[in-house]
Amino acid sequence: MTEAATQYVVQFEEGFPRAEVEALGAELMAAGILAPGFIPPSAGLLRLEAIVYATDEQGYDTVVLPDRNLVSRMARVARDGHAELRDKTTRSAVALMAYCQAMQVLLEPSIAFHELGFVSGNSIAREELAWFRAADRGAVLDWVALAAGQKDRVALGDPATLSDFDFEKPLMRWRRNYVVALKAAELELTPATAPLERAMALLEWMDKDFVLAGPAALFVSMYYGPKAARAGLFKQLRSPDRQAAIDGARNAAWDMTHLSDFVVRVTKAEEQRRRYIFASGDLSLVRIASRLFLGPEPADGLPSLEQGLREWWSNKDAERLAEAVFARFDIERFKDRPLPNPPPESIDSLVAKGEAFVRAWPFRISPSDRSALASGGQRRASS
């Protein structure tokens, strides 16, 4: 958006709750739940005039990709007729739905229902999708009033017709990310390795033995980062309940899959005349998403990848890691040879091997460590 475009004037229809919608946009930006896959206009990502200008003058639809923690809460409002706005993520979900309906911003749940179907089964995923479609039908004033605290209940109608889509079947993209998550867990649980050594080992393994997966690599780069607020990225990895550790790795793989889906959509955005925004109540995931498109040098008002990594790593380690990422992911290296593409049977074997390692940990632990684990402690491997 040019500086001239910041003066773009929009006339809304009579009765449009402009003040409330502007406040919701400001609230969403302050909440930090959004990561755009494009250079935001100088007027502001959710400035009302910017959204209208992109659609009417530039011919772009704006599409938000909410992850499961937001989508489930949107569906719950339609089902229950009210929302618990004291819950921060629910508050963000309601505000996001209200803003999107008011500004005709599209909501694409993306991977959310595949994740729910895999975790909870087709029946639950199909029911929640039906309620999400009810929520997304178009009840602007109801959603805005609910988000603004002007009413505490809404009636959004019956659920949509149940889908017959098979959400339980794992996506190939998720299966690959699950292999990466298991490898990352293996490196994390291997004693006497420093964080940077683990990150470099993961990149080396991707390049030589598996597949280059940029979003997954960045996810793990945050998880290994000594300065990162990494809580929740791998849940229960050191739990005495080793199935909980497996479930945590699976959850991490779904987070990686949300990110990789975002990247794929952004790469096709120009030909589709769309602008994509990733949304999540998990602020760590949003921080990773905001770094997915950073280059080797600062550009368009954005930092370089090295600068982006400094939030999680020392300056020296951020420099080394950024250099390693760009060296591994240089497409010129693959001009004369195909990109790695492991067959399904190889994926099965790697999953079995990775799960066996995670289930078998801890191999040897001291009595004090065993006591800490039994009491729920999360003692880190030495580094």
Protein backbone atom coordinates (compact mmCIF):
# COMPACT_ATOMS: atom_id res chain seq x y z
CA MET A 1 0.00 0.00 0.00
CA THR A 2 1.53 3.36 -1.02
CA GLU A 3 1.55 6.44 1.16
CA ALA A 4 -1.08 7.92 -1.15
CA ALA A 5 -3.26 4.90 -0.47
CA THR A 6 -3.14 5.62 3.26
CA GLN A 7 -5.45 8.54 2.49
CA TYR A 8 -7.97 6.18 0.88
CA VAL A 9 -11.47 7.12 2.07
CA VAL A 10 -14.13 4.44 2.61
CA GLN A 11 -17.81 5.11 3.07
CA PHE A 12 -19.49 2.29 5.01
CA GLU A 13 -23.20 1.54 4.87
CA GLU A 14 -25.48 3.14 7.43
CA GLY A 15 -25.58 1.03 10.58
CA PHE A 16 -22.11 -0.44 10.09
CA PRO A 17 -20.49 -0.61 13.55
CA ARG A 18 -17.30 1.11 12.48
CA ALA A 19 -16.06 2.20 15.89
CA GLU A 20 -16.52 -1.29 17.32
CA VAL A 21 -14.81 -2.97 14.35
CA GLU A 22 -11.87 -0.57 14.49
CA ALA A 23 -11.53 -1.36 18.20
CA LEU A 24 -11.57 -5.09 17.45
CA GLY A 25 -8.83 -4.67 14.87
CA ALA A 26 -6.71 -2.78 17.39
CA GLU A 27 -7.38 -5.45 20.01
CA LEU A 28 -6.33 -8.25 17.67
CA MET A 29 -3.11 -6.46 16.76
CA ALA A 30 -2.33 -5.84 20.45
CA ALA A 31 -2.98 -9.52 21.23
CA GLY A 32 -0.18 -10.54 18.84
CA ILE A 33 -2.08 -13.51 17.39
CA LEU A 34 -1.54 -12.64 13.71
CA ALA A 35 1.37 -13.19 11.30
CA PRO A 36 0.90 -11.86 7.75
CA GLY A 37 2.35 -13.66 4.76
CA PHE A 38 2.86 -10.35 2.94
CA ILE A 39 4.31 -6.92 3.62
CA PRO A 40 1.65 -5.13 5.71
CA PRO A 41 0.49 -1.72 4.50
CA SER A 42 1.97 1.27 6.28
CA ALA A 43 -1.54 2.20 7.43
CA GLY A 44 -1.68 -0.99 9.50
CA LEU A 45 -2.48 -4.66 8.88
CA LEU A 46 -6.11 -4.44 10.07
CA ARG A 47 -6.81 -0.81 9.26
CA LEU A 48 -10.30 -0.85 7.76
CA GLU A 49 -9.33 1.29 4.78
CA ALA A 50 -6.38 -1.00 4.05
CA ILE A 51 -8.60 -4.09 3.89
CA VAL A 52 -11.13 -2.38 1.59
CA TYR A 53 -8.37 -0.90 -0.60
CA ALA A 54 -6.76 -4.32 -1.07
CA THR A 55 -10.08 -5.83 -2.15
CA ASP A 56 -11.67 -3.06 -4.22
CA GLU A 57 -8.63 -1.37 -5.75
CA GLN A 58 -5.96 -4.07 -5.83
CA GLY A 59 -8.21 -7.08 -6.34
CA TYR A 60 -6.91 -9.17 -3.44
CA ASP A 61 -9.02 -11.22 -1.05
CA THR A 62 -7.67 -11.32 2.50
CA VAL A 63 -7.74 -14.79 4.04
CA VAL A 64 -7.07 -15.68 7.67
CA LEU A 65 -5.81 -19.17 8.51
CA PRO A 66 -6.86 -19.81 12.13
CA ASP A 67 -5.40 -22.83 13.88
CA ARG A 68 -7.30 -25.33 15.97
CA ASN A 69 -7.24 -23.45 19.27
CA LEU A 70 -9.14 -20.56 17.65
CA VAL A 71 -11.41 -22.59 15.34
CA SER A 72 -12.67 -24.80 18.15
CA ARG A 73 -13.66 -21.79 20.23
CA MET A 74 -15.50 -20.21 17.28
CA ALA A 75 -17.47 -23.41 16.78
CA ARG A 76 -18.21 -23.61 20.51
CA VAL A 77 -19.83 -20.17 20.49
CA ALA A 78 -22.22 -21.25 17.73
CA ARG A 79 -23.02 -24.46 19.59
CA ASP A 80 -23.44 -22.98 23.08
CA GLY A 81 -24.76 -19.53 22.17
CA HIS A 82 -22.31 -17.72 24.45
CA ALA A 83 -18.60 -17.28 25.05
CA GLU A 84 -16.35 -17.22 28.09
CA LEU A 85 -14.58 -13.96 27.25
CA ARG A 86 -12.42 -14.09 30.36
CA ASP A 87 -10.46 -16.81 28.56
CA LYS A 88 -7.86 -14.91 26.52
CA THR A 89 -7.89 -17.28 23.53
CA THR A 90 -11.69 -17.34 23.41
CA ARG A 91 -11.68 -13.56 23.53
CA SER A 92 -9.32 -13.50 20.52
CA ALA A 93 -11.41 -16.09 18.65
CA VAL A 94 -14.61 -14.07 19.08
CA ALA A 95 -12.90 -10.80 18.12
CA LEU A 96 -11.35 -12.42 15.06
CA MET A 97 -14.65 -13.88 13.85
CA ALA A 98 -16.42 -10.56 14.40
CA TYR A 99 -13.75 -8.59 12.57
CA CYS A 100 -13.57 -11.03 9.64
CA GLN A 101 -17.33 -11.06 9.14
CA ALA A 102 -17.54 -7.28 9.35
CA MET A 103 -14.73 -6.75 6.83
CA GLN A 104 -15.59 -9.73 4.58
CA VAL A 105 -12.24 -11.33 5.34
CA LEU A 106 -12.33 -15.03 4.55
CA LEU A 107 -11.67 -17.64 7.24
CA GLU A 108 -10.03 -20.85 6.05
CA PRO A 109 -9.63 -23.37 8.88
CA SER A 110 -6.86 -25.00 6.93
CA ILE A 111 -5.37 -27.89 8.90
CA ALA A 112 -7.52 -27.51 12.03
CA PHE A 113 -10.10 -30.19 11.25
CA HIS A 114 -7.53 -32.67 9.99
CA GLU A 115 -5.78 -32.27 13.33
CA LEU A 116 -9.02 -32.71 15.28
CA GLY A 117 -10.03 -35.77 13.24
CA PHE A 118 -6.66 -37.40 13.79
CA VAL A 119 -6.75 -36.74 17.53
CA SER A 120 -10.45 -37.25 18.30
CA GLY A 121 -11.98 -39.09 15.34
CA ASN A 122 -14.21 -38.25 12.38
CA SER A 123 -17.42 -37.91 14.36
CA ILE A 124 -16.12 -35.11 16.57
CA ALA A 125 -14.31 -33.36 13.71
CA ARG A 126 -17.37 -33.43 11.45
CA GLU A 127 -19.62 -32.12 14.22
CA GLU A 128 -17.26 -29.29 15.04
CA LEU A 129 -16.96 -28.38 11.35
CA ALA A 130 -20.76 -28.19 11.12
CA TRP A 131 -20.82 -25.76 14.05
CA PHE A 132 -17.93 -23.75 12.62
CA ARG A 133 -19.87 -23.33 9.39
CA ALA A 134 -22.84 -22.15 11.45
CA ALA A 135 -20.58 -19.63 13.17
CA ASP A 136 -19.21 -18.42 9.84
CA ARG A 137 -22.57 -17.97 8.07
CA GLY A 138 -22.64 -14.21 8.43
CA ALA A 139 -24.11 -12.64 11.57
CA VAL A 140 -21.97 -9.54 11.73
CA LEU A 141 -23.95 -7.55 14.27
CA ASP A 142 -24.31 -10.54 16.61
CA TRP A 143 -20.59 -11.30 16.59
CA VAL A 144 -19.58 -7.65 16.96
CA ALA A 145 -22.04 -7.15 19.81
CA LEU A 146 -20.76 -10.28 21.55
CA ALA A 147 -17.12 -9.26 21.11
CA ALA A 148 -17.86 -5.69 22.26
CA GLY A 149 -19.67 -6.92 25.37
CA GLN A 150 -22.99 -5.47 24.25
CA LYS A 151 -24.69 -8.86 24.58
CA ASP A 152 -23.74 -12.10 26.27
CA ARG A 153 -25.70 -14.57 24.14
CA VAL A 154 -26.17 -15.15 20.40
CA ALA A 155 -28.38 -17.51 18.39
CA LEU A 156 -26.54 -18.46 15.21
CA GLY A 157 -28.89 -21.19 14.03
CA ASP A 158 -28.56 -24.92 13.53
CA PRO A 159 -25.31 -26.61 12.57
CA ALA A 160 -24.57 -27.11 8.90
CA THR A 161 -24.96 -30.49 7.23
CA LEU A 162 -22.37 -32.96 8.45
CA SER A 163 -19.45 -33.53 6.09
CA ASP A 164 -18.50 -37.07 5.06
CA PHE A 165 -14.82 -36.13 4.63
CA ASP A 166 -12.30 -38.50 6.22
CA PHE A 167 -10.43 -36.29 8.67
CA GLU A 168 -8.84 -39.24 10.48
CA LYS A 169 -6.51 -40.12 7.62
CA PRO A 170 -3.12 -38.54 8.36
CA LEU A 171 -1.91 -35.97 5.84
CA MET A 172 1.37 -36.83 4.12
CA ARG A 173 2.68 -33.38 5.09
CA TRP A 174 1.89 -34.14 8.74
CA ARG A 175 3.59 -37.55 8.53
CA ARG A 176 6.78 -35.93 7.27
CA ASN A 177 6.63 -33.29 9.98
CA TYR A 178 6.06 -36.03 12.55
CA VAL A 179 9.32 -37.67 11.47
CA VAL A 180 11.04 -34.30 11.97
CA ALA A 181 9.41 -33.89 15.40
CA LEU A 182 10.59 -37.34 16.47
CA LYS A 183 14.12 -36.62 15.25
CA ALA A 184 14.09 -33.30 17.10
CA ALA A 185 12.93 -35.11 20.25
CA GLU A 186 15.72 -37.68 19.84
CA LEU A 187 18.34 -34.93 19.59
CA GLU A 188 16.86 -33.08 22.57
CA LEU A 189 16.91 -36.25 24.68
CA THR A 190 20.48 -37.13 23.73
CA PRO A 191 22.73 -36.11 26.64
CA ALA A 192 25.87 -33.97 26.42
CA THR A 193 24.85 -32.05 23.31
CA ALA A 194 24.69 -28.26 23.16
CA PRO A 195 21.63 -26.51 21.67
CA LEU A 196 23.46 -25.27 18.56
CA GLU A 197 24.90 -28.75 17.98
CA ARG A 198 21.37 -30.17 18.04
CA ALA A 199 20.08 -27.53 15.61
CA MET A 200 22.96 -28.10 13.20
CA ALA A 201 22.55 -31.87 13.45
CA LEU A 202 18.87 -31.56 12.54
CA LEU A 203 19.67 -29.47 9.45
CA GLU A 204 22.37 -31.95 8.42
CA TRP A 205 19.97 -34.87 8.84
CA MET A 206 17.24 -33.13 6.83
CA ASP A 207 19.67 -32.44 4.01
CA LYS A 208 21.38 -35.82 3.86
CA ASP A 209 18.83 -38.33 5.10
CA PHE A 210 15.31 -36.93 4.91
CA VAL A 211 13.69 -33.89 3.33
CA LEU A 212 14.23 -30.14 3.59
CA ALA A 213 11.34 -28.82 5.67
CA GLY A 214 11.82 -25.11 6.33
CA PRO A 215 8.86 -24.43 8.68
CA ALA A 216 9.69 -27.50 10.75
CA ALA A 217 13.36 -26.47 10.93
CA LEU A 218 12.41 -23.00 12.17
CA PHE A 219 9.99 -24.50 14.71
CA VAL A 220 12.79 -26.65 16.12
CA SER A 221 15.21 -23.71 15.99
CA MET A 222 12.95 -21.90 18.45
CA TYR A 223 12.56 -25.01 20.59
CA TYR A 224 16.33 -25.47 20.87
CA GLY A 225 16.98 -21.74 21.36
CA PRO A 226 18.50 -21.07 24.81
CA LYS A 227 16.68 -17.71 25.10
CA ALA A 228 13.33 -18.84 23.66
CA ALA A 229 10.05 -18.99 25.54
CA ARG A 230 9.64 -22.55 24.31
CA ALA A 231 7.03 -23.83 26.75
CA GLY A 232 4.39 -25.87 24.97
CA LEU A 233 6.31 -26.46 21.74
CA PHE A 234 7.02 -30.07 22.75
CA LYS A 235 4.62 -31.07 25.51
CA GLN A 236 5.56 -33.69 28.10
CA LEU A 237 8.77 -34.73 26.32
CA ARG A 238 10.37 -35.81 29.60
CA SER A 239 7.21 -37.14 31.23
CA PRO A 240 7.33 -40.53 32.99
CA ASP A 241 4.31 -41.34 30.79
CA ARG A 242 6.07 -42.03 27.50
CA GLN A 243 2.77 -42.10 25.55
CA ALA A 244 2.30 -38.49 26.68
CA ALA A 245 5.71 -37.73 25.17
CA ILE A 246 4.62 -39.35 21.89
CA ASP A 247 1.40 -37.32 21.95
CA GLY A 248 3.48 -34.19 22.52
CA ALA A 249 5.61 -34.95 19.46
CA ARG A 250 2.45 -35.52 17.42
CA ASN A 251 1.06 -32.19 18.58
CA ALA A 252 4.32 -30.48 17.63
CA ALA A 253 4.03 -32.06 14.17
CA TRP A 254 0.55 -30.54 13.79
CA ASP A 255 1.94 -27.13 14.72
CA MET A 256 4.64 -27.60 12.08
CA THR A 257 1.94 -28.59 9.59
CA HIS A 258 -0.07 -25.42 10.23
CA LEU A 259 3.12 -23.49 9.46
CA SER A 260 3.98 -25.46 6.33
CA ASP A 261 0.42 -25.09 5.03
CA PHE A 262 0.77 -21.34 5.56
CA VAL A 263 3.99 -21.28 3.51
CA VAL A 264 2.49 -23.31 0.66
CA ARG A 265 -0.51 -21.00 0.47
CA VAL A 266 1.65 -17.87 0.51
CA THR A 267 3.77 -19.17 -2.37
CA LYS A 268 0.59 -19.43 -4.46
CA ALA A 269 -1.02 -16.25 -3.15
CA GLU A 270 -0.13 -13.93 -6.03
CA GLU A 271 -1.60 -16.16 -8.73
CA GLN A 272 -4.73 -16.59 -6.61
CA ARG A 273 -4.93 -12.86 -5.83
CA ARG A 274 -5.03 -13.58 -2.12
CA ARG A 275 -3.25 -12.27 0.96
CA TYR A 276 -2.84 -14.80 3.77
CA ILE A 277 -2.62 -14.16 7.51
CA PHE A 278 -1.81 -16.93 9.98
CA ALA A 279 -3.67 -16.75 13.32
CA SER A 280 -3.12 -18.61 16.57
CA GLY A 281 -3.66 -18.15 20.27
CA ASP A 282 -0.26 -19.84 20.71
CA LEU A 283 2.03 -16.80 20.60
CA SER A 284 5.16 -18.93 20.19
CA LEU A 285 3.69 -20.34 16.99
CA VAL A 286 2.90 -16.83 15.75
CA ARG A 287 6.49 -15.75 16.45
CA ILE A 288 7.74 -18.65 14.33
CA ALA A 289 5.26 -17.86 11.54
CA SER A 290 6.42 -14.24 11.49
CA ARG A 291 9.97 -15.41 10.68
CA LEU A 292 9.14 -17.89 7.91
CA PHE A 293 9.73 -15.43 5.06
CA LEU A 294 12.80 -13.56 6.36
CA GLY A 295 15.77 -13.42 4.02
CA PRO A 296 19.55 -13.18 4.47
CA GLU A 297 19.35 -9.37 4.57
CA PRO A 298 16.80 -6.90 6.01
CA ALA A 299 14.23 -5.91 3.38
CA ASP A 300 10.88 -4.12 3.10
CA GLY A 301 11.03 -3.03 6.71
CA LEU A 302 11.56 -6.60 7.94
CA PRO A 303 14.67 -7.90 9.72
CA SER A 304 16.97 -10.58 8.35
CA LEU A 305 16.57 -14.18 9.52
CA GLU A 306 19.70 -13.78 11.61
CA GLN A 307 18.16 -10.79 13.37
CA GLY A 308 14.92 -12.73 13.84
CA LEU A 309 16.81 -15.63 15.43
CA ARG A 310 18.48 -13.37 17.99
CA GLU A 311 15.34 -13.47 20.13
CA TRP A 312 16.08 -17.15 20.71
CA TRP A 313 19.89 -17.41 20.30
CA SER A 314 23.04 -15.47 21.09
CA ASN A 315 24.18 -13.14 18.29
CA LYS A 316 27.02 -15.47 17.33
CA ASP A 317 24.87 -18.60 17.26
CA ALA A 318 22.08 -16.78 15.39
CA GLU A 319 24.59 -15.85 12.70
CA ARG A 320 25.89 -19.41 12.38
CA LEU A 321 22.40 -20.90 12.32
CA ALA A 322 21.10 -18.45 9.71
CA GLU A 323 24.12 -19.16 7.49
CA ALA A 324 23.50 -22.91 7.83
CA VAL A 325 19.81 -22.52 6.96
CA PHE A 326 20.47 -20.57 3.77
CA ALA A 327 23.27 -22.94 2.77
CA ARG A 328 21.03 -25.99 3.16
CA PHE A 329 17.95 -24.44 1.58
CA ASP A 330 19.72 -22.92 -1.45
CA ILE A 331 17.64 -24.17 -4.38
CA GLU A 332 20.65 -23.79 -6.70
CA ARG A 333 22.13 -26.87 -5.05
CA PHE A 334 19.37 -28.98 -6.55
CA LYS A 335 19.62 -27.90 -10.18
CA ASP A 336 21.27 -31.15 -11.19
CA ARG A 337 19.68 -33.48 -8.65
CA PRO A 338 16.14 -33.91 -7.35
CA LEU A 339 15.01 -32.65 -3.98
CA PRO A 340 14.88 -35.42 -1.35
CA ASN A 341 11.49 -37.15 -1.42
CA PRO A 342 11.26 -40.15 0.91
CA PRO A 343 8.68 -42.79 -0.14
CA PRO A 344 5.79 -43.74 2.20
CA GLU A 345 7.48 -46.96 3.30
CA SER A 346 10.53 -44.96 4.35
CA ILE A 347 8.28 -42.64 6.36
CA ASP A 348 6.76 -45.65 8.14
CA SER A 349 10.20 -46.97 9.05
CA LEU A 350 11.42 -43.60 10.33
CA VAL A 351 8.27 -43.14 12.43
CA ALA A 352 8.69 -46.59 14.00
CA LYS A 353 12.34 -45.90 14.76
CA GLY A 354 11.67 -42.46 16.18
CA GLU A 355 8.78 -43.59 18.37
CA ALA A 356 10.85 -46.48 19.71
CA PHE A 357 13.59 -44.06 20.78
CA VAL A 358 11.16 -41.68 22.50
CA ARG A 359 9.34 -44.50 24.28
CA ALA A 360 12.61 -46.02 25.53
CA TRP A 361 13.87 -42.82 27.17
CA PRO A 362 15.20 -42.35 29.85
CA PHE A 363 17.83 -45.02 29.34
CA ARG A 364 19.89 -44.32 32.46
CA ILE A 365 18.90 -41.77 35.05
CA SER A 366 20.01 -41.08 38.58
CA PRO A 367 17.73 -41.63 41.61
CA SER A 368 17.38 -37.84 42.03
CA ASP A 369 16.39 -37.45 38.37
CA ARG A 370 13.93 -40.33 38.69
CA SER A 371 12.36 -38.63 41.72
CA ALA A 372 12.11 -35.33 39.84
CA LEU A 373 10.46 -37.02 36.88
CA ALA A 374 8.01 -38.87 39.07
CA SER A 375 6.95 -35.57 40.61
CA GLY A 376 6.43 -33.93 37.22
CA GLY A 377 9.82 -32.22 36.95
CA GLN A 378 11.12 -31.29 33.53
CA ARG A 379 14.89 -31.65 34.03
CA ARG A 380 16.84 -30.80 30.88
CA ALA A 381 19.58 -32.94 29.44
CA SER A 382 23.02 -31.51 30.12
CA SER A 383 24.39 -29.22 27.42
